[in-house]
């Protein structure tokens, strides 16, 4: 039989318990409080983490491969991963894959994120990443370009806004003016050129004229002018004319991409197509493609 606890021992235990109660009385934790439950990551966090891991897999596969696509993707993927906030330490390791499979997986995730992300900032970032992947594939394709055409990546949308567009009216009016300037520029190039250069300039000029007509038919404010000044030095020879056309188309692509990354969900598809069409008309090389079209690089 255990001996009765002494009075002094009982007083010591009581004092210890009292001290513990006083110690915890000023904070939210209590002896009887259950531990905080494990917090389930939000859908936005999961989507971001999965895409970052997919981009890291692209980088790894590209480094282990060779060729124009692999070289470009190896250089661009780190910027995309950083923009996504890095790869979460809780992300499951990705199995090794060839570079084409890794890119296809990352592109599919970026496009799904662009469509489904509730966070508009993340959706815009995903749209930019997807556009970058598409541009790398185009720029690295050795096939001849042929006669100019409107190129898109989303067959469900064209290159024009719908009646329900939320894109700012001022931007639509300004980009219509930019297309009209491009039309006039190509006409000037055609007047100085011959052969295939002339044929292609006239064809691309017609596409810009059609875009102007289509945008104006939607009720966009008409800021177009009767004529535009094209410096003679910029059309003096074939090299200068090609540079002028490339600069004009690239700037137009950047205009569309800059609006794409902040656009509402209903406008992302046509803006992606419009940006892709202009960027590809600039005949980029893989080294020209930005990691995040439309998003200014961090200094």
C-alpha atoms as a PDB file:
ATOM      1  CA  UNK A   1       0.000   0.000   0.000  1.00  0.00           C
ATOM      2  CA  UNK A   2       1.351   3.372  -1.011  1.00  0.00           C
ATOM      3  CA  UNK A   3       2.075   5.773   1.776  1.00  0.00           C
ATOM      4  CA  UNK A   4      -0.042   8.944   1.889  1.00  0.00           C
ATOM      5  CA  UNK A   5       1.459  11.938   0.067  1.00  0.00           C
ATOM      6  CA  UNK A   6       2.981  14.433   2.445  1.00  0.00           C
ATOM      7  CA  UNK A   7       1.434  17.826   2.877  1.00  0.00           C
ATOM      8  CA  UNK A   8       4.574  19.484   1.507  1.00  0.00           C
ATOM      9  CA  UNK A   9       4.503  17.397  -1.677  1.00  0.00           C
ATOM     10  CA  UNK A  10       0.862  18.185  -2.294  1.00  0.00           C
ATOM     11  CA  UNK A  11       1.565  21.899  -1.886  1.00  0.00           C
ATOM     12  CA  UNK A  12       4.475  21.649  -4.370  1.00  0.00           C
ATOM     13  CA  UNK A  13       2.365  20.001  -7.078  1.00  0.00           C
ATOM     14  CA  UNK A  14      -0.430  22.518  -6.575  1.00  0.00           C
ATOM     15  CA  UNK A  15       2.045  25.368  -6.986  1.00  0.00           C
ATOM     16  CA  UNK A  16       3.424  23.899 -10.220  1.00  0.00           C
ATOM     17  CA  UNK A  17      -0.053  23.511 -11.755  1.00  0.00           C
ATOM     18  CA  UNK A  18      -0.958  27.054 -10.736  1.00  0.00           C
ATOM     19  CA  UNK A  19       2.193  28.376 -12.364  1.00  0.00           C
ATOM     20  CA  UNK A  20       1.430  26.518 -15.618  1.00  0.00           C
ATOM     21  CA  UNK A  21      -2.099  27.944 -15.684  1.00  0.00           C
ATOM     22  CA  UNK A  22      -0.743  31.457 -15.196  1.00  0.00           C
ATOM     23  CA  UNK A  23       1.868  30.909 -17.915  1.00  0.00           C
ATOM     24  CA  UNK A  24      -0.721  29.901 -20.504  1.00  0.00           C
ATOM     25  CA  UNK A  25      -3.470  32.317 -19.502  1.00  0.00           C
ATOM     26  CA  UNK A  26      -2.093  35.145 -21.659  1.00  0.00           C
ATOM     27  CA  UNK A  27      -2.046  33.208 -24.910  1.00  0.00           C
ATOM     28  CA  UNK A  28      -4.613  31.419 -27.044  1.00  0.00           C
ATOM     29  CA  UNK A  29      -3.390  27.922 -26.232  1.00  0.00           C
ATOM     30  CA  UNK A  30      -5.025  26.088 -23.323  1.00  0.00           C
ATOM     31  CA  UNK A  31      -4.414  22.708 -21.774  1.00  0.00           C
ATOM     32  CA  UNK A  32      -7.782  21.517 -23.042  1.00  0.00           C
ATOM     33  CA  UNK A  33      -7.409  23.008 -26.585  1.00  0.00           C
ATOM     34  CA  UNK A  34      -6.999  20.557 -29.482  1.00  0.00           C
ATOM     35  CA  UNK A  35      -4.038  21.184 -31.808  1.00  0.00           C
ATOM     36  CA  UNK A  36      -4.715  23.227 -34.980  1.00  0.00           C
ATOM     37  CA  UNK A  37      -5.907  20.948 -37.770  1.00  0.00           C
ATOM     38  CA  UNK A  38      -3.675  20.521 -40.852  1.00  0.00           C
ATOM     39  CA  UNK A  39      -4.505  23.272 -43.313  1.00  0.00           C
ATOM     40  CA  UNK A  40      -5.386  21.985 -46.761  1.00  0.00           C
ATOM     41  CA  UNK A  41      -3.694  24.046 -49.509  1.00  0.00           C
ATOM     42  CA  UNK A  42      -6.072  26.160 -51.582  1.00  0.00           C
ATOM     43  CA  UNK A  43      -6.824  25.246 -55.178  1.00  0.00           C
ATOM     44  CA  UNK A  44      -4.793  28.268 -56.268  1.00  0.00           C
ATOM     45  CA  UNK A  45      -1.769  27.129 -54.261  1.00  0.00           C
ATOM     46  CA  UNK A  46      -2.009  23.585 -55.607  1.00  0.00           C
ATOM     47  CA  UNK A  47      -2.286  24.843 -59.181  1.00  0.00           C
ATOM     48  CA  UNK A  48       0.683  27.161 -58.751  1.00  0.00           C
ATOM     49  CA  UNK A  49       2.829  24.458 -57.142  1.00  0.00           C
ATOM     50  CA  UNK A  50       1.996  21.890 -59.797  1.00  0.00           C
ATOM     51  CA  UNK A  51       2.905  24.242 -62.627  1.00  0.00           C
ATOM     52  CA  UNK A  52       6.154  25.274 -60.926  1.00  0.00           C
ATOM     53  CA  UNK A  53       7.089  21.603 -60.584  1.00  0.00           C
ATOM     54  CA  UNK A  54       6.192  21.012 -64.238  1.00  0.00           C
ATOM     55  CA  UNK A  55       8.396  23.914 -65.326  1.00  0.00           C
ATOM     56  CA  UNK A  56      11.245  22.557 -63.209  1.00  0.00           C
ATOM     57  CA  UNK A  57      10.800  19.231 -64.988  1.00  0.00           C
ATOM     58  CA  UNK A  58      11.012  21.075 -68.320  1.00  0.00           C
ATOM     59  CA  UNK A  59      14.273  22.648 -67.225  1.00  0.00           C
ATOM     60  CA  UNK A  60      15.765  19.316 -66.148  1.00  0.00           C
ATOM     61  CA  UNK A  61      14.689  17.541 -69.337  1.00  0.00           C
ATOM     62  CA  UNK A  62      15.877  20.403 -71.538  1.00  0.00           C
ATOM     63  CA  UNK A  63      19.309  20.505 -69.913  1.00  0.00           C
ATOM     64  CA  UNK A  64      19.657  16.780 -70.528  1.00  0.00           C
ATOM     65  CA  UNK A  65      18.658  17.193 -74.175  1.00  0.00           C
ATOM     66  CA  UNK A  66      19.870  19.181 -77.166  1.00  0.00           C
ATOM     67  CA  UNK A  67      18.444  21.214 -80.014  1.00  0.00           C
ATOM     68  CA  UNK A  68      16.870  24.635 -80.458  1.00  0.00           C
ATOM     69  CA  UNK A  69      13.749  23.892 -78.390  1.00  0.00           C
ATOM     70  CA  UNK A  70      15.726  22.341 -75.539  1.00  0.00           C
ATOM     71  CA  UNK A  71      18.225  25.200 -75.452  1.00  0.00           C
ATOM     72  CA  UNK A  72      15.474  27.813 -75.375  1.00  0.00           C
ATOM     73  CA  UNK A  73      13.388  26.040 -72.745  1.00  0.00           C
ATOM     74  CA  UNK A  74      16.410  25.417 -70.516  1.00  0.00           C
ATOM     75  CA  UNK A  75      17.078  29.152 -70.527  1.00  0.00           C
ATOM     76  CA  UNK A  76      13.456  30.246 -70.015  1.00  0.00           C
ATOM     77  CA  UNK A  77      12.162  27.745 -67.437  1.00  0.00           C
ATOM     78  CA  UNK A  78      14.040  29.184 -64.409  1.00  0.00           C
ATOM     79  CA  UNK A  79      12.378  32.578 -64.915  1.00  0.00           C
ATOM     80  CA  UNK A  80       8.949  30.944 -65.050  1.00  0.00           C
ATOM     81  CA  UNK A  81       9.641  28.877 -61.917  1.00  0.00           C
ATOM     82  CA  UNK A  82      10.767  31.998 -60.057  1.00  0.00           C
ATOM     83  CA  UNK A  83       7.645  33.910 -61.159  1.00  0.00           C
ATOM     84  CA  UNK A  84       5.514  31.064 -59.794  1.00  0.00           C
ATOM     85  CA  UNK A  85       7.198  31.399 -56.424  1.00  0.00           C
ATOM     86  CA  UNK A  86       9.551  28.445 -56.751  1.00  0.00           C
ATOM     87  CA  UNK A  87       8.883  24.757 -56.330  1.00  0.00           C
ATOM     88  CA  UNK A  88       7.201  23.797 -53.074  1.00  0.00           C
ATOM     89  CA  UNK A  89       9.236  21.396 -50.904  1.00  0.00           C
ATOM     90  CA  UNK A  90       6.078  19.302 -50.559  1.00  0.00           C
ATOM     91  CA  UNK A  91       5.749  18.794 -54.324  1.00  0.00           C
ATOM     92  CA  UNK A  92       6.099  15.213 -55.458  1.00  0.00           C
ATOM     93  CA  UNK A  93       9.245  14.559 -57.501  1.00  0.00           C
ATOM     94  CA  UNK A  94       8.522  14.392 -61.222  1.00  0.00           C
ATOM     95  CA  UNK A  95       9.652  11.274 -63.082  1.00  0.00           C
ATOM     96  CA  UNK A  96      12.284  11.868 -65.717  1.00  0.00           C
ATOM     97  CA  UNK A  97      10.811  12.551 -69.129  1.00  0.00           C
ATOM     98  CA  UNK A  98      12.001  13.525 -72.552  1.00  0.00           C
ATOM     99  CA  UNK A  99      11.901  17.213 -73.247  1.00  0.00           C
ATOM    100  CA  UNK A 100       8.891  17.072 -75.614  1.00  0.00           C
ATOM    101  CA  UNK A 101       6.784  15.220 -73.032  1.00  0.00           C
ATOM    102  CA  UNK A 102       7.838  17.595 -70.256  1.00  0.00           C
ATOM    103  CA  UNK A 103       6.949  20.648 -72.342  1.00  0.00           C
ATOM    104  CA  UNK A 104       3.598  19.156 -73.364  1.00  0.00           C
ATOM    105  CA  UNK A 105       2.734  18.518 -69.704  1.00  0.00           C
ATOM    106  CA  UNK A 106       3.757  22.030 -68.605  1.00  0.00           C
ATOM    107  CA  UNK A 107       1.859  23.616 -71.506  1.00  0.00           C
ATOM    108  CA  UNK A 108      -1.291  21.621 -70.714  1.00  0.00           C
ATOM    109  CA  UNK A 109      -1.123  22.685 -67.065  1.00  0.00           C
ATOM    110  CA  UNK A 110      -0.514  26.336 -67.980  1.00  0.00           C
ATOM    111  CA  UNK A 111      -3.487  26.391 -70.347  1.00  0.00           C
ATOM    112  CA  UNK A 112      -5.753  24.720 -67.783  1.00  0.00           C
ATOM    113  CA  UNK A 113      -4.603  27.233 -65.174  1.00  0.00           C
ATOM    114  CA  UNK A 114      -5.328  30.102 -67.581  1.00  0.00           C
ATOM    115  CA  UNK A 115      -8.883  28.836 -68.022  1.00  0.00           C
ATOM    116  CA  UNK A 116      -9.674  27.711 -64.489  1.00  0.00           C
ATOM    117  CA  UNK A 117      -7.622  29.686 -61.952  1.00  0.00           C
ATOM    118  CA  UNK A 118      -9.817  31.780 -59.693  1.00  0.00           C
ATOM    119  CA  UNK A 119      -6.901  34.087 -58.921  1.00  0.00           C
ATOM    120  CA  UNK A 120      -6.713  36.458 -61.900  1.00  0.00           C
ATOM    121  CA  UNK A 121      -3.031  37.238 -61.307  1.00  0.00           C
ATOM    122  CA  UNK A 122      -2.137  33.555 -61.474  1.00  0.00           C
ATOM    123  CA  UNK A 123      -4.373  33.063 -64.521  1.00  0.00           C
ATOM    124  CA  UNK A 124      -2.582  35.896 -66.299  1.00  0.00           C
ATOM    125  CA  UNK A 125       0.811  34.446 -65.412  1.00  0.00           C
ATOM    126  CA  UNK A 126      -0.268  31.038 -66.703  1.00  0.00           C
ATOM    127  CA  UNK A 127      -1.496  32.621 -69.955  1.00  0.00           C
ATOM    128  CA  UNK A 128       1.904  34.234 -70.405  1.00  0.00           C
ATOM    129  CA  UNK A 129       3.751  30.958 -69.748  1.00  0.00           C
ATOM    130  CA  UNK A 130       1.561  29.071 -72.213  1.00  0.00           C
ATOM    131  CA  UNK A 131       2.139  31.727 -74.867  1.00  0.00           C
ATOM    132  CA  UNK A 132       5.893  31.472 -74.320  1.00  0.00           C
ATOM    133  CA  UNK A 133       5.845  27.699 -74.882  1.00  0.00           C
ATOM    134  CA  UNK A 134       3.852  28.151 -78.093  1.00  0.00           C
ATOM    135  CA  UNK A 135       6.292  30.772 -79.359  1.00  0.00           C
ATOM    136  CA  UNK A 136       9.317  28.583 -78.657  1.00  0.00           C
ATOM    137  CA  UNK A 137       7.753  25.773 -80.678  1.00  0.00           C
ATOM    138  CA  UNK A 138       7.030  28.120 -83.586  1.00  0.00           C
ATOM    139  CA  UNK A 139      10.426  29.822 -83.535  1.00  0.00           C
ATOM    140  CA  UNK A 140      12.295  26.508 -83.495  1.00  0.00           C
ATOM    141  CA  UNK A 141      10.251  24.980 -86.328  1.00  0.00           C
ATOM    142  CA  UNK A 142      12.486  24.760 -89.420  1.00  0.00           C
ATOM    143  CA  UNK A 143       9.564  24.516 -91.842  1.00  0.00           C
ATOM    144  CA  UNK A 144       9.268  27.414 -94.325  1.00  0.00           C
ATOM    145  CA  UNK A 145       6.741  30.034 -93.267  1.00  0.00           C
ATOM    146  CA  UNK A 146       5.094  30.453 -96.646  1.00  0.00           C
ATOM    147  CA  UNK A 147       2.721  33.312 -97.415  1.00  0.00           C
ATOM    148  CA  UNK A 148       1.670  35.393 -94.400  1.00  0.00           C
ATOM    149  CA  UNK A 149      -1.434  34.168 -92.597  1.00  0.00           C
ATOM    150  CA  UNK A 150      -3.262  34.731 -89.332  1.00  0.00           C
ATOM    151  CA  UNK A 151      -1.810  32.213 -86.884  1.00  0.00           C
ATOM    152  CA  UNK A 152      -3.604  31.197 -83.690  1.00  0.00           C
ATOM    153  CA  UNK A 153      -3.181  28.642 -80.897  1.00  0.00           C
ATOM    154  CA  UNK A 154      -6.790  28.381 -79.687  1.00  0.00           C
ATOM    155  CA  UNK A 155      -9.226  27.213 -82.333  1.00  0.00           C
ATOM    156  CA  UNK A 156     -12.183  28.074 -80.103  1.00  0.00           C
ATOM    157  CA  UNK A 157     -11.470  31.788 -80.476  1.00  0.00           C
ATOM    158  CA  UNK A 158     -10.338  34.145 -83.179  1.00  0.00           C
ATOM    159  CA  UNK A 159      -8.294  37.317 -82.926  1.00  0.00           C
ATOM    160  CA  UNK A 160     -11.163  39.673 -82.197  1.00  0.00           C
ATOM    161  CA  UNK A 161     -13.051  40.584 -79.002  1.00  0.00           C
ATOM    162  CA  UNK A 162     -16.649  39.569 -78.528  1.00  0.00           C
ATOM    163  CA  UNK A 163     -19.460  41.998 -77.822  1.00  0.00           C
ATOM    164  CA  UNK A 164     -19.104  41.174 -74.119  1.00  0.00           C
ATOM    165  CA  UNK A 165     -15.402  42.020 -73.964  1.00  0.00           C
ATOM    166  CA  UNK A 166     -14.101  43.727 -70.833  1.00  0.00           C
ATOM    167  CA  UNK A 167     -10.967  44.984 -72.542  1.00  0.00           C
ATOM    168  CA  UNK A 168     -10.676  48.755 -72.253  1.00  0.00           C
ATOM    169  CA  UNK A 169     -12.153  50.715 -75.152  1.00  0.00           C
ATOM    170  CA  UNK A 170      -9.096  52.949 -75.283  1.00  0.00           C
ATOM    171  CA  UNK A 171      -6.813  49.969 -75.856  1.00  0.00           C
ATOM    172  CA  UNK A 172      -9.032  48.626 -78.628  1.00  0.00           C
ATOM    173  CA  UNK A 173      -9.016  51.992 -80.365  1.00  0.00           C
ATOM    174  CA  UNK A 174      -5.241  52.304 -80.016  1.00  0.00           C
ATOM    175  CA  UNK A 175      -4.506  48.785 -81.245  1.00  0.00           C
ATOM    176  CA  UNK A 176      -6.761  49.387 -84.238  1.00  0.00           C
ATOM    177  CA  UNK A 177      -4.628  52.421 -85.059  1.00  0.00           C
ATOM    178  CA  UNK A 178      -1.498  50.281 -84.668  1.00  0.00           C
ATOM    179  CA  UNK A 179      -2.848  47.736 -87.145  1.00  0.00           C
ATOM    180  CA  UNK A 180      -3.589  50.544 -89.607  1.00  0.00           C
ATOM    181  CA  UNK A 181      -0.064  51.893 -89.232  1.00  0.00           C
ATOM    182  CA  UNK A 182       1.235  48.387 -89.925  1.00  0.00           C
ATOM    183  CA  UNK A 183      -0.950  48.198 -93.045  1.00  0.00           C
ATOM    184  CA  UNK A 184       0.534  51.416 -94.366  1.00  0.00           C
ATOM    185  CA  UNK A 185       4.053  50.285 -93.458  1.00  0.00           C
ATOM    186  CA  UNK A 186       3.677  47.080 -95.471  1.00  0.00           C
ATOM    187  CA  UNK A 187       2.329  49.021 -98.441  1.00  0.00           C
ATOM    188  CA  UNK A 188       5.431  51.211 -98.320  1.00  0.00           C
ATOM    189  CA  UNK A 189       7.663  48.137 -98.112  1.00  0.00           C
ATOM    190  CA  UNK A 190       5.875  46.567-101.081  1.00  0.00           C
ATOM    191  CA  UNK A 191       6.417  49.722-103.134  1.00  0.00           C
ATOM    192  CA  UNK A 192      10.192  49.404-102.570  1.00  0.00           C
ATOM    193  CA  UNK A 193      10.433  45.617-102.923  1.00  0.00           C
ATOM    194  CA  UNK A 194      10.136  42.977-105.612  1.00  0.00           C
ATOM    195  CA  UNK A 195       9.463  39.281-105.954  1.00  0.00           C
ATOM    196  CA  UNK A 196       8.628  37.274-102.827  1.00  0.00           C
ATOM    197  CA  UNK A 197       9.366  40.206-100.523  1.00  0.00           C
ATOM    198  CA  UNK A 198       6.781  42.317-102.296  1.00  0.00           C
ATOM    199  CA  UNK A 199       4.215  39.496-102.406  1.00  0.00           C
ATOM    200  CA  UNK A 200       4.569  38.789 -98.698  1.00  0.00           C
ATOM    201  CA  UNK A 201       4.425  42.475 -97.755  1.00  0.00           C
ATOM    202  CA  UNK A 202       1.195  42.946 -99.699  1.00  0.00           C
ATOM    203  CA  UNK A 203      -0.315  39.810 -98.130  1.00  0.00           C
ATOM    204  CA  UNK A 204       0.516  40.814 -94.565  1.00  0.00           C
ATOM    205  CA  UNK A 205      -0.672  44.356 -95.258  1.00  0.00           C
ATOM    206  CA  UNK A 206      -4.051  42.977 -96.371  1.00  0.00           C
ATOM    207  CA  UNK A 207      -4.351  41.015 -93.120  1.00  0.00           C
ATOM    208  CA  UNK A 208      -3.780  44.179 -91.105  1.00  0.00           C
ATOM    209  CA  UNK A 209      -6.326  46.073 -93.214  1.00  0.00           C
ATOM    210  CA  UNK A 210      -8.892  43.334 -92.614  1.00  0.00           C
ATOM    211  CA  UNK A 211      -8.245  43.478 -88.861  1.00  0.00           C
ATOM    212  CA  UNK A 212      -8.824  47.231 -88.888  1.00  0.00           C
ATOM    213  CA  UNK A 213     -12.106  46.789 -90.747  1.00  0.00           C
ATOM    214  CA  UNK A 214     -13.227  44.036 -88.371  1.00  0.00           C
ATOM    215  CA  UNK A 215     -12.426  46.030 -85.243  1.00  0.00           C
ATOM    216  CA  UNK A 216     -14.145  49.141 -86.539  1.00  0.00           C
ATOM    217  CA  UNK A 217     -17.199  47.054 -87.416  1.00  0.00           C
ATOM    218  CA  UNK A 218     -17.422  46.124 -83.732  1.00  0.00           C
ATOM    219  CA  UNK A 219     -17.871  49.776 -82.851  1.00  0.00           C
ATOM    220  CA  UNK A 220     -14.273  50.567 -81.877  1.00  0.00           C
ATOM    221  CA  UNK A 221     -13.465  54.276 -82.017  1.00  0.00           C
ATOM    222  CA  UNK A 222     -11.772  55.175 -85.304  1.00  0.00           C
ATOM    223  CA  UNK A 223      -8.412  56.845 -84.656  1.00  0.00           C
ATOM    224  CA  UNK A 224      -6.939  55.896 -88.025  1.00  0.00           C
ATOM    225  CA  UNK A 225      -5.363  58.558 -90.242  1.00  0.00           C
ATOM    226  CA  UNK A 226      -5.207  59.092 -93.978  1.00  0.00           C
ATOM    227  CA  UNK A 227      -1.446  58.612 -94.116  1.00  0.00           C
ATOM    228  CA  UNK A 228       1.520  57.853 -91.884  1.00  0.00           C
ATOM    229  CA  UNK A 229       5.152  58.822 -92.074  1.00  0.00           C
ATOM    230  CA  UNK A 230       7.589  55.971 -92.713  1.00  0.00           C
ATOM    231  CA  UNK A 231      11.230  57.154 -92.514  1.00  0.00           C
ATOM    232  CA  UNK A 232      13.016  56.518 -95.814  1.00  0.00           C
ATOM    233  CA  UNK A 233      16.019  55.003 -94.039  1.00  0.00           C
ATOM    234  CA  UNK A 234      13.816  52.250 -92.621  1.00  0.00           C
ATOM    235  CA  UNK A 235      12.818  51.006 -96.084  1.00  0.00           C
ATOM    236  CA  UNK A 236      16.068  51.750 -97.926  1.00  0.00           C
ATOM    237  CA  UNK A 237      17.058  48.106 -98.471  1.00  0.00           C
ATOM    238  CA  UNK A 238      15.864  44.582 -97.767  1.00  0.00           C
ATOM    239  CA  UNK A 239      17.612  44.342 -94.394  1.00  0.00           C
ATOM    240  CA  UNK A 240      16.154  47.644 -93.197  1.00  0.00           C
ATOM    241  CA  UNK A 241      12.671  46.665 -94.407  1.00  0.00           C
ATOM    242  CA  UNK A 242      12.814  43.285 -92.671  1.00  0.00           C
ATOM    243  CA  UNK A 243      13.928  44.976 -89.449  1.00  0.00           C
ATOM    244  CA  UNK A 244      11.098  47.508 -89.663  1.00  0.00           C
ATOM    245  CA  UNK A 245       8.502  44.774 -90.221  1.00  0.00           C
ATOM    246  CA  UNK A 246       9.904  42.673 -87.370  1.00  0.00           C
ATOM    247  CA  UNK A 247       9.963  45.599 -84.944  1.00  0.00           C
ATOM    248  CA  UNK A 248       6.409  46.609 -85.861  1.00  0.00           C
ATOM    249  CA  UNK A 249       4.960  43.127 -85.435  1.00  0.00           C
ATOM    250  CA  UNK A 250       6.896  42.437 -82.231  1.00  0.00           C
ATOM    251  CA  UNK A 251       5.673  45.659 -80.647  1.00  0.00           C
ATOM    252  CA  UNK A 252       2.104  44.728 -81.586  1.00  0.00           C
ATOM    253  CA  UNK A 253       2.556  41.320 -79.966  1.00  0.00           C
ATOM    254  CA  UNK A 254       3.785  42.982 -76.791  1.00  0.00           C
ATOM    255  CA  UNK A 255       0.764  45.301 -76.791  1.00  0.00           C
ATOM    256  CA  UNK A 256      -1.633  42.368 -76.870  1.00  0.00           C
ATOM    257  CA  UNK A 257       0.370  40.320 -74.356  1.00  0.00           C
ATOM    258  CA  UNK A 258       0.496  43.172 -71.850  1.00  0.00           C
ATOM    259  CA  UNK A 259      -3.304  43.287 -71.829  1.00  0.00           C
ATOM    260  CA  UNK A 260      -3.598  39.491 -71.822  1.00  0.00           C
ATOM    261  CA  UNK A 261      -1.880  39.100 -68.449  1.00  0.00           C
ATOM    262  CA  UNK A 262      -4.471  41.273 -66.679  1.00  0.00           C
ATOM    263  CA  UNK A 263      -7.525  40.367 -68.769  1.00  0.00           C
ATOM    264  CA  UNK A 264     -10.755  38.794 -67.581  1.00  0.00           C
ATOM    265  CA  UNK A 265     -11.256  35.097 -68.275  1.00  0.00           C
ATOM    266  CA  UNK A 266     -13.544  35.689 -71.252  1.00  0.00           C
ATOM    267  CA  UNK A 267     -10.902  37.725 -73.074  1.00  0.00           C
ATOM    268  CA  UNK A 268      -7.819  35.550 -72.593  1.00  0.00           C
ATOM    269  CA  UNK A 269      -8.315  33.256 -75.589  1.00  0.00           C
ATOM    270  CA  UNK A 270      -8.634  35.915 -78.280  1.00  0.00           C
ATOM    271  CA  UNK A 271      -5.874  38.034 -76.749  1.00  0.00           C
ATOM    272  CA  UNK A 272      -3.575  35.003 -76.719  1.00  0.00           C
ATOM    273  CA  UNK A 273      -4.345  34.419 -80.392  1.00  0.00           C
ATOM    274  CA  UNK A 274      -3.839  38.067 -81.313  1.00  0.00           C
ATOM    275  CA  UNK A 275      -0.513  38.226 -79.467  1.00  0.00           C
ATOM    276  CA  UNK A 276       0.668  34.943 -80.992  1.00  0.00           C
ATOM    277  CA  UNK A 277      -0.259  36.108 -84.501  1.00  0.00           C
ATOM    278  CA  UNK A 278       1.735  39.321 -84.156  1.00  0.00           C
ATOM    279  CA  UNK A 279       4.739  37.723 -82.449  1.00  0.00           C
ATOM    280  CA  UNK A 280       4.998  34.980 -85.074  1.00  0.00           C
ATOM    281  CA  UNK A 281       4.690  37.517 -87.896  1.00  0.00           C
ATOM    282  CA  UNK A 282       7.940  38.985 -86.538  1.00  0.00           C
ATOM    283  CA  UNK A 283       9.655  35.691 -87.481  1.00  0.00           C
ATOM    284  CA  UNK A 284      11.332  35.234 -84.089  1.00  0.00           C
ATOM    285  CA  UNK A 285      14.282  32.969 -83.401  1.00  0.00           C
ATOM    286  CA  UNK A 286      14.218  30.784 -80.251  1.00  0.00           C
ATOM    287  CA  UNK A 287      16.572  33.272 -78.580  1.00  0.00           C
ATOM    288  CA  UNK A 288      14.035  36.060 -79.128  1.00  0.00           C
ATOM    289  CA  UNK A 289      11.203  34.411 -77.193  1.00  0.00           C
ATOM    290  CA  UNK A 290      10.552  35.891 -73.724  1.00  0.00           C
ATOM    291  CA  UNK A 291       9.953  33.624 -70.735  1.00  0.00           C
ATOM    292  CA  UNK A 292       6.917  35.681 -69.750  1.00  0.00           C
ATOM    293  CA  UNK A 293       5.396  37.634 -72.663  1.00  0.00           C
ATOM    294  CA  UNK A 294       3.516  40.702 -71.478  1.00  0.00           C
ATOM    295  CA  UNK A 295       5.193  40.747 -68.067  1.00  0.00           C
ATOM    296  CA  UNK A 296       8.025  43.208 -67.555  1.00  0.00           C
ATOM    297  CA  UNK A 297      11.222  41.529 -66.285  1.00  0.00           C
ATOM    298  CA  UNK A 298      12.208  42.299 -62.705  1.00  0.00           C
ATOM    299  CA  UNK A 299      15.241  44.578 -62.623  1.00  0.00           C
END
